[in-house]
Amino acid sequence: MMPTANLSDPMEPLESLRSTAGARIEAVASIAELDALEAELVGRNSPIGAARRGLGTIEDADERRDQGKAINDLATEVSAAIDARRATLAAIEEREALAADRVDVTLPGRPVRRGTSHLVQSTIDEIVDIFVSLGYTVADGPEAETGFYNFTALNIPETHPSRHESDTLYLDYGEGTGDEEVLLRTHTSPMQARYMETHEPPVYVVVPGKVFRADEIDATHLPVFHQIEGLAVDGSITFADLKGTLAHFAKEFFGRDTEVKFIPHYFPFTEPSAEMHAYTKGQWIELLGCGMVNPAVFEQVGYDPDVYTGFAFGMGAERMAMVRHGITDLRALADPDLRILEQYR
């Protein structure tokens, strides 16, 4: 009995793939699903892959050539459909991503919180601006000072209590400094001598800066605080000029109706000397020290006291801020708590 011939067509699975591939590709909703379908349709284990491996069993060269071409044409057709669908899905996913990241530029922006200067710094700036408007120059000097400029050049004698270590913070620079004392300046007044040494009269200068004292921290004392020094030297300056200048300053800083008075006092580097008080918030309050420059200071810097006269003044920036804003505890100005500082924005 003769064996039954195998009538199965090896191209039949490929025809089935051709008829269904287009719909399946169009039905895919994501690139990940498309990658999986691509492996199923044209991958190594797909009908196309199996058909390619079966070409080697075909003995007839013409038949092998025709089937090989048909397989390649189908693979190319399916791959083109997959590439087209991938491009479509990529565009869709890009639009969705852009839509998710969309920013409505017509909405108002989020405001950035505005910063500001510390109350002490803004007080210094305002005071300096008042004197600059009168023609004064702004200068600064070293915070580590010598005993000569901090004391001797300002006519402060060796026996003065401020030169004791209980009041002044001295620095140890090691060997090689000689007998010269080095210290953290106790006031901004050393710049009087330093400035006059390098500038010929007339001199109109204000010097804001940080100063240091060996003080315990309490409601009225800090070991580090700020002063503003002023110096005016010319050919015919009088105490009346001092009073008029400082009265103008008080009115500019505290208000036009501010009254001032000058009470005799003592400072080694001025003669005569005074304290200026201002009537504000219903009471007289001491604001600053002042006086006519002592001739001994002029002699130290090479100015002729018979030709030039001048006045000097010094004030604490923290004290000016406290008086103006009704602050009763100096420690509030050194507290980094924003709830305190933001009250004076």
C-alpha atoms as a PDB file:
ATOM      1  CA  MET A   1       0.000   0.000   0.000  1.00  0.00           C
ATOM      2  CA  MET A   2       1.493   3.375  -0.991  1.00  0.00           C
ATOM      3  CA  PRO A   3       1.978   6.098   1.799  1.00  0.00           C
ATOM      4  CA  THR A   4      -0.337   9.095   1.800  1.00  0.00           C
ATOM      5  CA  ALA A   5       1.330  12.293   0.570  1.00  0.00           C
ATOM      6  CA  ASN A   6       1.596  15.328   2.960  1.00  0.00           C
ATOM      7  CA  LEU A   7      -0.486  17.947   1.251  1.00  0.00           C
ATOM      8  CA  SER A   8       0.110  20.679   3.922  1.00  0.00           C
ATOM      9  CA  ASP A   9       1.187  24.026   2.410  1.00  0.00           C
ATOM     10  CA  PRO A  10       4.302  25.456   4.256  1.00  0.00           C
ATOM     11  CA  MET A  11       3.187  29.004   3.321  1.00  0.00           C
ATOM     12  CA  GLU A  12      -0.231  28.613   4.953  1.00  0.00           C
ATOM     13  CA  PRO A  13       0.865  29.961   8.398  1.00  0.00           C
ATOM     14  CA  LEU A  14       2.386  32.965   6.652  1.00  0.00           C
ATOM     15  CA  GLU A  15      -0.823  33.708   4.799  1.00  0.00           C
ATOM     16  CA  SER A  16      -2.713  33.528   8.078  1.00  0.00           C
ATOM     17  CA  LEU A  17      -0.151  35.892   9.626  1.00  0.00           C
ATOM     18  CA  ARG A  18      -0.536  38.283   6.668  1.00  0.00           C
ATOM     19  CA  SER A  19      -4.306  38.430   7.059  1.00  0.00           C
ATOM     20  CA  THR A  20      -4.283  39.081  10.839  1.00  0.00           C
ATOM     21  CA  ALA A  21      -1.045  41.039  11.448  1.00  0.00           C
ATOM     22  CA  GLY A  22      -2.380  44.430  10.355  1.00  0.00           C
ATOM     23  CA  ALA A  23      -5.346  44.384  12.713  1.00  0.00           C
ATOM     24  CA  ARG A  24      -3.284  43.106  15.628  1.00  0.00           C
ATOM     25  CA  ILE A  25      -0.660  45.789  15.114  1.00  0.00           C
ATOM     26  CA  GLU A  26      -3.265  48.566  14.972  1.00  0.00           C
ATOM     27  CA  ALA A  27      -4.900  47.250  18.156  1.00  0.00           C
ATOM     28  CA  VAL A  28      -1.713  47.625  20.229  1.00  0.00           C
ATOM     29  CA  ALA A  29      -1.975  50.528  22.737  1.00  0.00           C
ATOM     30  CA  SER A  30       1.637  50.947  23.898  1.00  0.00           C
ATOM     31  CA  ILE A  31       5.181  50.596  22.647  1.00  0.00           C
ATOM     32  CA  ALA A  32       5.859  47.884  25.235  1.00  0.00           C
ATOM     33  CA  GLU A  33       2.950  45.805  23.855  1.00  0.00           C
ATOM     34  CA  LEU A  34       4.198  46.491  20.327  1.00  0.00           C
ATOM     35  CA  ASP A  35       7.664  45.164  21.170  1.00  0.00           C
ATOM     36  CA  ALA A  36       6.141  41.919  22.441  1.00  0.00           C
ATOM     37  CA  LEU A  37       3.963  41.573  19.330  1.00  0.00           C
ATOM     38  CA  GLU A  38       6.955  42.244  17.070  1.00  0.00           C
ATOM     39  CA  ALA A  39       8.811  39.318  18.605  1.00  0.00           C
ATOM     40  CA  GLU A  40       5.735  37.137  18.049  1.00  0.00           C
ATOM     41  CA  LEU A  41       5.273  38.166  14.394  1.00  0.00           C
ATOM     42  CA  VAL A  42       8.798  38.485  12.988  1.00  0.00           C
ATOM     43  CA  GLY A  43      11.054  37.198  15.754  1.00  0.00           C
ATOM     44  CA  ARG A  44      13.168  34.016  15.781  1.00  0.00           C
ATOM     45  CA  ASN A  45      10.320  31.851  17.032  1.00  0.00           C
ATOM     46  CA  SER A  46       7.655  33.412  14.802  1.00  0.00           C
ATOM     47  CA  PRO A  47       6.095  31.743  11.743  1.00  0.00           C
ATOM     48  CA  ILE A  48       8.380  33.857   9.589  1.00  0.00           C
ATOM     49  CA  GLY A  49      11.414  32.625  11.510  1.00  0.00           C
ATOM     50  CA  ALA A  50      10.271  29.021  11.173  1.00  0.00           C
ATOM     51  CA  ALA A  51       9.662  29.452   7.453  1.00  0.00           C
ATOM     52  CA  ARG A  52      13.135  30.834   6.944  1.00  0.00           C
ATOM     53  CA  ARG A  53      14.673  27.878   8.736  1.00  0.00           C
ATOM     54  CA  GLY A  54      12.605  25.523   6.524  1.00  0.00           C
ATOM     55  CA  LEU A  55      14.024  26.944   3.301  1.00  0.00           C
ATOM     56  CA  GLY A  56      17.015  24.652   3.625  1.00  0.00           C
ATOM     57  CA  THR A  57      14.848  21.553   3.199  1.00  0.00           C
ATOM     58  CA  ILE A  58      13.557  22.653  -0.218  1.00  0.00           C
ATOM     59  CA  GLU A  59      15.570  20.911  -2.919  1.00  0.00           C
ATOM     60  CA  ASP A  60      14.222  22.780  -5.932  1.00  0.00           C
ATOM     61  CA  ALA A  61      16.233  25.993  -6.327  1.00  0.00           C
ATOM     62  CA  ASP A  62      13.478  27.925  -8.088  1.00  0.00           C
ATOM     63  CA  GLU A  63      10.917  26.966  -5.464  1.00  0.00           C
ATOM     64  CA  ARG A  64      13.383  27.852  -2.674  1.00  0.00           C
ATOM     65  CA  ARG A  65      14.020  31.226  -4.300  1.00  0.00           C
ATOM     66  CA  ASP A  66      10.300  31.996  -4.727  1.00  0.00           C
ATOM     67  CA  GLN A  67       9.429  31.028  -1.142  1.00  0.00           C
ATOM     68  CA  GLY A  68      12.406  32.974   0.222  1.00  0.00           C
ATOM     69  CA  LYS A  69      11.262  36.092  -1.627  1.00  0.00           C
ATOM     70  CA  ALA A  70       7.695  35.645  -0.388  1.00  0.00           C
ATOM     71  CA  ILE A  71       8.916  35.267   3.199  1.00  0.00           C
ATOM     72  CA  ASN A  72      11.121  38.383   2.956  1.00  0.00           C
ATOM     73  CA  ASP A  73       8.331  40.416   1.364  1.00  0.00           C
ATOM     74  CA  LEU A  74       5.972  39.444   4.197  1.00  0.00           C
ATOM     75  CA  ALA A  75       8.619  40.208   6.848  1.00  0.00           C
ATOM     76  CA  THR A  76       9.243  43.608   5.250  1.00  0.00           C
ATOM     77  CA  GLU A  77       5.511  44.360   5.098  1.00  0.00           C
ATOM     78  CA  VAL A  78       4.923  43.390   8.716  1.00  0.00           C
ATOM     79  CA  SER A  79       8.027  45.285   9.920  1.00  0.00           C
ATOM     80  CA  ALA A  80       6.917  48.420   8.037  1.00  0.00           C
ATOM     81  CA  ALA A  81       3.498  48.232   9.707  1.00  0.00           C
ATOM     82  CA  ILE A  82       5.152  47.790  13.096  1.00  0.00           C
ATOM     83  CA  ASP A  83       7.473  50.783  12.503  1.00  0.00           C
ATOM     84  CA  ALA A  84       4.541  52.945  11.436  1.00  0.00           C
ATOM     85  CA  ARG A  85       2.564  51.959  14.529  1.00  0.00           C
ATOM     86  CA  ARG A  86       5.611  52.572  16.741  1.00  0.00           C
ATOM     87  CA  ALA A  87       5.970  56.097  15.336  1.00  0.00           C
ATOM     88  CA  THR A  88       2.284  56.743  16.011  1.00  0.00           C
ATOM     89  CA  LEU A  89       2.482  55.417  19.576  1.00  0.00           C
ATOM     90  CA  ALA A  90       5.656  57.419  20.272  1.00  0.00           C
ATOM     91  CA  ALA A  91       3.926  60.605  19.138  1.00  0.00           C
ATOM     92  CA  ILE A  92       0.917  59.816  21.326  1.00  0.00           C
ATOM     93  CA  GLU A  93       3.094  59.121  24.375  1.00  0.00           C
ATOM     94  CA  GLU A  94       5.080  62.316  23.781  1.00  0.00           C
ATOM     95  CA  ARG A  95       1.878  64.386  23.620  1.00  0.00           C
ATOM     96  CA  GLU A  96       0.639  62.782  26.831  1.00  0.00           C
ATOM     97  CA  ALA A  97       3.953  63.475  28.584  1.00  0.00           C
ATOM     98  CA  LEU A  98       3.926  67.094  27.444  1.00  0.00           C
ATOM     99  CA  ALA A  99       0.341  67.489  28.573  1.00  0.00           C
ATOM    100  CA  ALA A 100       1.232  66.084  31.995  1.00  0.00           C
ATOM    101  CA  ASP A 101       4.147  68.527  32.306  1.00  0.00           C
ATOM    102  CA  ARG A 102       2.226  71.493  30.965  1.00  0.00           C
ATOM    103  CA  VAL A 103       2.614  74.777  32.808  1.00  0.00           C
ATOM    104  CA  ASP A 104      -0.037  77.441  32.458  1.00  0.00           C
ATOM    105  CA  VAL A 105       2.077  80.535  31.857  1.00  0.00           C
ATOM    106  CA  THR A 106      -0.985  82.737  32.117  1.00  0.00           C
ATOM    107  CA  LEU A 107      -1.212  82.066  35.877  1.00  0.00           C
ATOM    108  CA  PRO A 108       0.527  84.510  38.231  1.00  0.00           C
ATOM    109  CA  GLY A 109       3.948  83.326  39.389  1.00  0.00           C
ATOM    110  CA  ARG A 110       4.714  82.245  42.924  1.00  0.00           C
ATOM    111  CA  PRO A 111       6.146  85.302  44.695  1.00  0.00           C
ATOM    112  CA  VAL A 112       9.656  85.060  46.111  1.00  0.00           C
ATOM    113  CA  ARG A 113       9.830  86.074  49.740  1.00  0.00           C
ATOM    114  CA  ARG A 114      11.512  89.458  49.950  1.00  0.00           C
ATOM    115  CA  GLY A 115      14.600  89.719  52.122  1.00  0.00           C
ATOM    116  CA  THR A 116      15.751  92.765  54.041  1.00  0.00           C
ATOM    117  CA  SER A 117      18.681  94.112  56.018  1.00  0.00           C
ATOM    118  CA  HIS A 118      19.010  93.495  59.739  1.00  0.00           C
ATOM    119  CA  LEU A 119      17.591  96.343  61.816  1.00  0.00           C
ATOM    120  CA  VAL A 120      21.066  97.342  63.013  1.00  0.00           C
ATOM    121  CA  GLN A 121      22.430  97.466  59.455  1.00  0.00           C
ATOM    122  CA  SER A 122      19.464  99.447  58.145  1.00  0.00           C
ATOM    123  CA  THR A 123      19.900 101.888  61.061  1.00  0.00           C
ATOM    124  CA  ILE A 124      23.589 102.331  60.198  1.00  0.00           C
ATOM    125  CA  ASP A 125      22.754 102.871  56.537  1.00  0.00           C
ATOM    126  CA  GLU A 126      20.145 105.515  57.321  1.00  0.00           C
ATOM    127  CA  ILE A 127      22.391 107.412  59.736  1.00  0.00           C
ATOM    128  CA  VAL A 128      25.300 107.362  57.280  1.00  0.00           C
ATOM    129  CA  ASP A 129      23.009 108.594  54.488  1.00  0.00           C
ATOM    130  CA  ILE A 130      22.009 111.602  56.606  1.00  0.00           C
ATOM    131  CA  PHE A 131      25.628 112.672  57.025  1.00  0.00           C
ATOM    132  CA  VAL A 132      26.542 111.893  53.426  1.00  0.00           C
ATOM    133  CA  SER A 133      23.774 114.302  52.417  1.00  0.00           C
ATOM    134  CA  LEU A 134      25.643 116.953  54.442  1.00  0.00           C
ATOM    135  CA  GLY A 135      28.850 116.316  52.465  1.00  0.00           C
ATOM    136  CA  TYR A 136      30.558 113.768  54.714  1.00  0.00           C
ATOM    137  CA  THR A 137      32.723 110.941  53.362  1.00  0.00           C
ATOM    138  CA  VAL A 138      32.386 107.344  54.590  1.00  0.00           C
ATOM    139  CA  ALA A 139      35.500 105.523  55.810  1.00  0.00           C
ATOM    140  CA  ASP A 140      36.282 102.333  57.676  1.00  0.00           C
ATOM    141  CA  GLY A 141      39.235 100.976  59.603  1.00  0.00           C
ATOM    142  CA  PRO A 142      40.721  97.809  61.098  1.00  0.00           C
ATOM    143  CA  GLU A 143      38.892  95.988  63.869  1.00  0.00           C
ATOM    144  CA  ALA A 144      42.214  94.696  65.249  1.00  0.00           C
ATOM    145  CA  GLU A 145      43.837  97.928  66.390  1.00  0.00           C
ATOM    146  CA  THR A 146      47.050  99.046  68.089  1.00  0.00           C
ATOM    147  CA  GLY A 147      47.162 100.632  71.500  1.00  0.00           C
ATOM    148  CA  PHE A 148      48.549 103.806  69.942  1.00  0.00           C
ATOM    149  CA  TYR A 149      45.547 104.502  67.724  1.00  0.00           C
ATOM    150  CA  ASN A 150      42.949 103.137  70.148  1.00  0.00           C
ATOM    151  CA  PHE A 151      44.259 105.080  73.151  1.00  0.00           C
ATOM    152  CA  THR A 152      47.441 107.158  72.891  1.00  0.00           C
ATOM    153  CA  ALA A 153      46.598 109.127  69.732  1.00  0.00           C
ATOM    154  CA  LEU A 154      43.257 110.003  71.310  1.00  0.00           C
ATOM    155  CA  ASN A 155      44.846 111.495  74.430  1.00  0.00           C
ATOM    156  CA  ILE A 156      43.794 108.565  76.630  1.00  0.00           C
ATOM    157  CA  PRO A 157      46.442 108.209  79.374  1.00  0.00           C
ATOM    158  CA  GLU A 158      48.116 104.970  80.460  1.00  0.00           C
ATOM    159  CA  THR A 159      46.157 105.070  83.734  1.00  0.00           C
ATOM    160  CA  HIS A 160      42.729 105.273  82.119  1.00  0.00           C
ATOM    161  CA  PRO A 161      40.449 102.370  83.202  1.00  0.00           C
ATOM    162  CA  SER A 162      39.527 101.560  79.607  1.00  0.00           C
ATOM    163  CA  ARG A 163      43.090 100.315  79.046  1.00  0.00           C
ATOM    164  CA  HIS A 164      42.697  97.572  81.645  1.00  0.00           C
ATOM    165  CA  GLU A 165      42.199  93.984  80.539  1.00  0.00           C
ATOM    166  CA  SER A 166      38.932  93.943  82.460  1.00  0.00           C
ATOM    167  CA  ASP A 167      37.512  96.373  79.877  1.00  0.00           C
ATOM    168  CA  THR A 168      39.485  95.693  76.672  1.00  0.00           C
ATOM    169  CA  LEU A 169      40.090  92.477  74.705  1.00  0.00           C
ATOM    170  CA  TYR A 170      43.812  92.249  73.943  1.00  0.00           C
ATOM    171  CA  LEU A 171      45.215  89.975  71.222  1.00  0.00           C
ATOM    172  CA  ASP A 172      48.317  87.817  71.484  1.00  0.00           C
ATOM    173  CA  TYR A 173      50.119  87.949  68.154  1.00  0.00           C
ATOM    174  CA  GLY A 174      53.073  85.972  69.478  1.00  0.00           C
ATOM    175  CA  GLU A 175      56.711  87.053  69.354  1.00  0.00           C
ATOM    176  CA  GLY A 176      57.867  89.796  67.061  1.00  0.00           C
ATOM    177  CA  THR A 177      55.228  92.428  67.841  1.00  0.00           C
ATOM    178  CA  GLY A 178      57.517  94.350  70.160  1.00  0.00           C
ATOM    179  CA  ASP A 179      55.995  96.438  72.921  1.00  0.00           C
ATOM    180  CA  GLU A 180      53.039  97.566  70.814  1.00  0.00           C
ATOM    181  CA  GLU A 181      49.683  96.485  72.211  1.00  0.00           C
ATOM    182  CA  VAL A 182      47.287  94.804  69.792  1.00  0.00           C
ATOM    183  CA  LEU A 183      43.628  94.684  70.699  1.00  0.00           C
ATOM    184  CA  LEU A 184      40.086  94.552  69.377  1.00  0.00           C
ATOM    185  CA  ARG A 185      39.111  98.198  69.045  1.00  0.00           C
ATOM    186  CA  THR A 186      36.857  99.452  71.804  1.00  0.00           C
ATOM    187  CA  HIS A 187      35.398 102.284  69.691  1.00  0.00           C
ATOM    188  CA  THR A 188      35.522 103.611  66.151  1.00  0.00           C
ATOM    189  CA  SER A 189      37.430 106.715  67.319  1.00  0.00           C
ATOM    190  CA  PRO A 190      40.866 105.372  66.238  1.00  0.00           C
ATOM    191  CA  MET A 191      39.836 106.276  62.696  1.00  0.00           C
ATOM    192  CA  GLN A 192      39.973 109.949  63.727  1.00  0.00           C
ATOM    193  CA  ALA A 193      43.756 109.722  63.977  1.00  0.00           C
ATOM    194  CA  ARG A 194      44.173 107.293  61.073  1.00  0.00           C
ATOM    195  CA  TYR A 195      42.108 109.436  58.711  1.00  0.00           C
ATOM    196  CA  MET A 196      43.765 112.740  59.659  1.00  0.00           C
ATOM    197  CA  GLU A 197      47.221 111.201  59.210  1.00  0.00           C
ATOM    198  CA  THR A 198      46.478 110.516  55.543  1.00  0.00           C
ATOM    199  CA  HIS A 199      44.197 113.448  54.651  1.00  0.00           C
ATOM    200  CA  GLU A 200      44.767 117.166  54.728  1.00  0.00           C
ATOM    201  CA  PRO A 201      41.994 119.439  56.091  1.00  0.00           C
ATOM    202  CA  PRO A 202      39.169 120.063  55.548  1.00  0.00           C
ATOM    203  CA  VAL A 203      37.941 116.695  56.863  1.00  0.00           C
ATOM    204  CA  TYR A 204      34.305 115.614  57.048  1.00  0.00           C
ATOM    205  CA  VAL A 205      34.043 111.868  57.615  1.00  0.00           C
ATOM    206  CA  VAL A 206      31.753 109.274  59.242  1.00  0.00           C
ATOM    207  CA  VAL A 207      33.025 105.858  60.249  1.00  0.00           C
ATOM    208  CA  PRO A 208      30.547 103.029  60.890  1.00  0.00           C
ATOM    209  CA  GLY A 209      31.918  99.798  62.277  1.00  0.00           C
ATOM    210  CA  LYS A 210      31.983  96.967  64.772  1.00  0.00           C
ATOM    211  CA  VAL A 211      33.571  97.448  68.220  1.00  0.00           C
ATOM    212  CA  PHE A 212      34.382  95.120  71.105  1.00  0.00           C
ATOM    213  CA  ARG A 213      34.238  95.358  74.897  1.00  0.00           C
ATOM    214  CA  ALA A 214      34.844  92.857  77.703  1.00  0.00           C
ATOM    215  CA  ASP A 215      31.211  93.150  78.824  1.00  0.00           C
ATOM    216  CA  GLU A 216      28.803  90.521  80.078  1.00  0.00           C
ATOM    217  CA  ILE A 217      25.659  90.109  77.995  1.00  0.00           C
ATOM    218  CA  ASP A 218      22.585  91.688  79.570  1.00  0.00           C
ATOM    219  CA  ALA A 219      19.687  93.939  78.615  1.00  0.00           C
ATOM    220  CA  THR A 220      21.985  96.946  78.028  1.00  0.00           C
ATOM    221  CA  HIS A 221      25.380  95.413  77.167  1.00  0.00           C
ATOM    222  CA  LEU A 222      26.877  93.223  74.460  1.00  0.00           C
ATOM    223  CA  PRO A 223      30.557  92.319  73.958  1.00  0.00           C
ATOM    224  CA  VAL A 224      30.216  93.122  70.235  1.00  0.00           C
ATOM    225  CA  PHE A 225      28.173  96.046  68.940  1.00  0.00           C
ATOM    226  CA  HIS A 226      28.315  98.846  66.347  1.00  0.00           C
ATOM    227  CA  GLN A 227      29.259 102.500  66.499  1.00  0.00           C
ATOM    228  CA  ILE A 228      29.201 105.397  64.078  1.00  0.00           C
ATOM    229  CA  GLU A 229      31.995 107.925  64.490  1.00  0.00           C
ATOM    230  CA  GLY A 230      31.924 111.413  63.022  1.00  0.00           C
ATOM    231  CA  LEU A 231      34.695 113.958  62.548  1.00  0.00           C
ATOM    232  CA  ALA A 232      34.697 117.459  61.072  1.00  0.00           C
ATOM    233  CA  VAL A 233      37.885 119.560  60.839  1.00  0.00           C
ATOM    234  CA  ASP A 234      38.214 122.921  59.124  1.00  0.00           C
ATOM    235  CA  GLY A 235      39.558 126.400  59.628  1.00  0.00           C
ATOM    236  CA  SER A 236      36.820 127.942  61.756  1.00  0.00           C
ATOM    237  CA  ILE A 237      34.528 125.265  63.194  1.00  0.00           C
ATOM    238  CA  THR A 238      32.809 126.125  66.481  1.00  0.00           C
ATOM    239  CA  PHE A 239      30.664 124.365  69.061  1.00  0.00           C
ATOM    240  CA  ALA A 240      27.675 126.003  67.395  1.00  0.00           C
ATOM    241  CA  ASP A 241      28.473 124.036  64.223  1.00  0.00           C
ATOM    242  CA  LEU A 242      28.523 120.828  66.276  1.00  0.00           C
ATOM    243  CA  LYS A 243      25.138 121.613  67.856  1.00  0.00           C
ATOM    244  CA  GLY A 244      23.552 122.585  64.554  1.00  0.00           C
ATOM    245  CA  THR A 245      24.832 119.471  62.767  1.00  0.00           C
ATOM    246  CA  LEU A 246      23.710 117.020  65.443  1.00  0.00           C
ATOM    247  CA  ALA A 247      20.354 118.756  65.945  1.00  0.00           C
ATOM    248  CA  HIS A 248      19.744 118.416  62.191  1.00  0.00           C
ATOM    249  CA  PHE A 249      20.660 114.745  62.402  1.00  0.00           C
ATOM    250  CA  ALA A 250      18.243 114.136  65.293  1.00  0.00           C
ATOM    251  CA  LYS A 251      15.385 115.778  63.431  1.00  0.00           C
ATOM    252  CA  GLU A 252      16.106 113.773  60.288  1.00  0.00           C
ATOM    253  CA  PHE A 253      16.342 110.472  62.161  1.00  0.00           C
ATOM    254  CA  PHE A 254      13.593 110.854  64.782  1.00  0.00           C
ATOM    255  CA  GLY A 255      11.303 113.471  63.267  1.00  0.00           C
ATOM    256  CA  ARG A 256      11.165 117.191  62.599  1.00  0.00           C
ATOM    257  CA  ASP A 257       9.694 118.036  66.016  1.00  0.00           C
ATOM    258  CA  THR A 258      12.559 116.381  67.957  1.00  0.00           C
ATOM    259  CA  GLU A 259      14.151 118.597  70.618  1.00  0.00           C
ATOM    260  CA  VAL A 260      17.775 118.171  71.735  1.00  0.00           C
ATOM    261  CA  LYS A 261      19.936 119.445  74.568  1.00  0.00           C
ATOM    262  CA  PHE A 262      23.660 119.217  75.339  1.00  0.00           C
ATOM    263  CA  ILE A 263      24.928 118.344  78.819  1.00  0.00           C
ATOM    264  CA  PRO A 264      28.597 118.847  79.775  1.00  0.00           C
ATOM    265  CA  HIS A 265      30.603 115.635  79.962  1.00  0.00           C
ATOM    266  CA  TYR A 266      34.208 114.423  79.776  1.00  0.00           C
ATOM    267  CA  PHE A 267      36.012 112.608  76.961  1.00  0.00           C
ATOM    268  CA  PRO A 268      39.837 112.613  76.708  1.00  0.00           C
ATOM    269  CA  PHE A 269      39.847 113.301  72.973  1.00  0.00           C
ATOM    270  CA  THR A 270      37.411 116.257  72.980  1.00  0.00           C
ATOM    271  CA  GLU A 271      37.440 119.521  74.906  1.00  0.00           C
ATOM    272  CA  PRO A 272      34.855 120.812  75.700  1.00  0.00           C
ATOM    273  CA  SER A 273      32.769 117.610  75.637  1.00  0.00           C
ATOM    274  CA  ALA A 274      29.062 116.934  75.927  1.00  0.00           C
ATOM    275  CA  GLU A 275      26.326 114.331  75.782  1.00  0.00           C
ATOM    276  CA  MET A 276      23.443 115.038  73.444  1.00  0.00           C
ATOM    277  CA  HIS A 277      19.989 114.131  74.732  1.00  0.00           C
ATOM    278  CA  ALA A 278      16.816 114.074  72.662  1.00  0.00           C
ATOM    279  CA  TYR A 279      13.230 114.442  73.765  1.00  0.00           C
ATOM    280  CA  THR A 280      11.376 111.563  72.144  1.00  0.00           C
ATOM    281  CA  LYS A 281       8.529 109.253  73.136  1.00  0.00           C
ATOM    282  CA  GLY A 282       7.697 111.558  76.041  1.00  0.00           C
ATOM    283  CA  GLN A 283      11.098 111.581  77.750  1.00  0.00           C
ATOM    284  CA  TRP A 284      14.665 112.847  77.490  1.00  0.00           C
ATOM    285  CA  ILE A 285      17.042 110.102  76.340  1.00  0.00           C
ATOM    286  CA  GLU A 286      20.835 110.191  76.015  1.00  0.00           C
ATOM    287  CA  LEU A 287      21.786 109.595  72.381  1.00  0.00           C
ATOM    288  CA  LEU A 288      25.489 110.189  71.841  1.00  0.00           C
ATOM    289  CA  GLY A 289      28.742 111.740  73.020  1.00  0.00           C
ATOM    290  CA  CYS A 290      30.405 114.660  71.263  1.00  0.00           C
ATOM    291  CA  GLY A 291      32.750 117.597  71.652  1.00  0.00           C
ATOM    292  CA  MET A 292      35.379 119.811  70.075  1.00  0.00           C
ATOM    293  CA  VAL A 293      38.513 117.920  69.041  1.00  0.00           C
ATOM    294  CA  ASN A 294      41.187 118.181  71.733  1.00  0.00           C
ATOM    295  CA  PRO A 295      44.282 120.065  70.459  1.00  0.00           C
ATOM    296  CA  ALA A 296      46.396 117.168  71.777  1.00  0.00           C
ATOM    297  CA  VAL A 297      44.804 114.931  69.126  1.00  0.00           C
ATOM    298  CA  PHE A 298      45.692 117.437  66.398  1.00  0.00           C
ATOM    299  CA  GLU A 299      49.296 117.459  67.585  1.00  0.00           C
ATOM    300  CA  GLN A 300      49.452 113.641  67.395  1.00  0.00           C
ATOM    301  CA  VAL A 301      48.488 113.661  63.702  1.00  0.00           C
ATOM    302  CA  GLY A 302      50.442 116.759  62.650  1.00  0.00           C
ATOM    303  CA  TYR A 303      47.574 119.272  62.385  1.00  0.00           C
ATOM    304  CA  ASP A 304      48.276 122.788  63.702  1.00  0.00           C
ATOM    305  CA  PRO A 305      45.754 123.403  66.525  1.00  0.00           C
ATOM    306  CA  ASP A 306      46.243 127.133  66.091  1.00  0.00           C
ATOM    307  CA  VAL A 307      44.981 126.905  62.508  1.00  0.00           C
ATOM    308  CA  TYR A 308      42.339 124.168  62.611  1.00  0.00           C
ATOM    309  CA  THR A 309      39.401 123.349  64.838  1.00  0.00           C
ATOM    310  CA  GLY A 310      36.906 120.561  64.646  1.00  0.00           C
ATOM    311  CA  PHE A 311      34.312 118.466  66.388  1.00  0.00           C
ATOM    312  CA  ALA A 312      33.775 114.744  66.818  1.00  0.00           C
ATOM    313  CA  PHE A 313      30.858 112.576  67.867  1.00  0.00           C
ATOM    314  CA  GLY A 314      30.121 108.911  68.357  1.00  0.00           C
ATOM    315  CA  MET A 315      26.908 106.957  68.719  1.00  0.00           C
ATOM    316  CA  GLY A 316      25.875 103.335  69.140  1.00  0.00           C
ATOM    317  CA  ALA A 317      23.844 101.974  66.238  1.00  0.00           C
ATOM    318  CA  GLU A 318      22.016  99.494  68.483  1.00  0.00           C
ATOM    319  CA  ARG A 319      21.094 102.284  70.901  1.00  0.00           C
ATOM    320  CA  MET A 320      19.728 104.442  68.107  1.00  0.00           C
ATOM    321  CA  ALA A 321      17.605 101.533  66.879  1.00  0.00           C
ATOM    322  CA  MET A 322      16.343 100.801  70.409  1.00  0.00           C
ATOM    323  CA  VAL A 323      15.325 104.409  71.046  1.00  0.00           C
ATOM    324  CA  ARG A 324      13.605 104.747  67.705  1.00  0.00           C
ATOM    325  CA  HIS A 325      11.667 101.475  67.877  1.00  0.00           C
ATOM    326  CA  GLY A 326      11.023 101.293  71.607  1.00  0.00           C
ATOM    327  CA  ILE A 327      13.160  98.177  72.149  1.00  0.00           C
ATOM    328  CA  THR A 328      13.933  97.677  75.835  1.00  0.00           C
ATOM    329  CA  ASP A 329      16.309  94.701  75.704  1.00  0.00           C
ATOM    330  CA  LEU A 330      19.505  94.940  73.653  1.00  0.00           C
ATOM    331  CA  ARG A 331      19.668  91.150  73.371  1.00  0.00           C
ATOM    332  CA  ALA A 332      16.689  91.198  70.997  1.00  0.00           C
ATOM    333  CA  LEU A 333      18.957  92.713  68.338  1.00  0.00           C
ATOM    334  CA  ALA A 334      21.402  89.794  68.646  1.00  0.00           C
ATOM    335  CA  ASP A 335      18.695  87.117  68.629  1.00  0.00           C
ATOM    336  CA  PRO A 336      18.485  85.237  65.287  1.00  0.00           C
ATOM    337  CA  ASP A 337      14.800  84.384  65.875  1.00  0.00           C
ATOM    338  CA  LEU A 338      12.953  85.569  62.764  1.00  0.00           C
ATOM    339  CA  ARG A 339       9.804  86.197  64.805  1.00  0.00           C
ATOM    340  CA  ILE A 340      11.712  89.019  66.494  1.00  0.00           C
ATOM    341  CA  LEU A 341      13.628  90.337  63.500  1.00  0.00           C
ATOM    342  CA  GLU A 342      10.627  90.379  61.142  1.00  0.00           C
ATOM    343  CA  GLN A 343       8.864  92.876  63.405  1.00  0.00           C
ATOM    344  CA  TYR A 344      11.277  95.536  62.111  1.00  0.00           C
ATOM    345  CA  ARG A 345      11.211  94.758  58.390  1.00  0.00           C
END
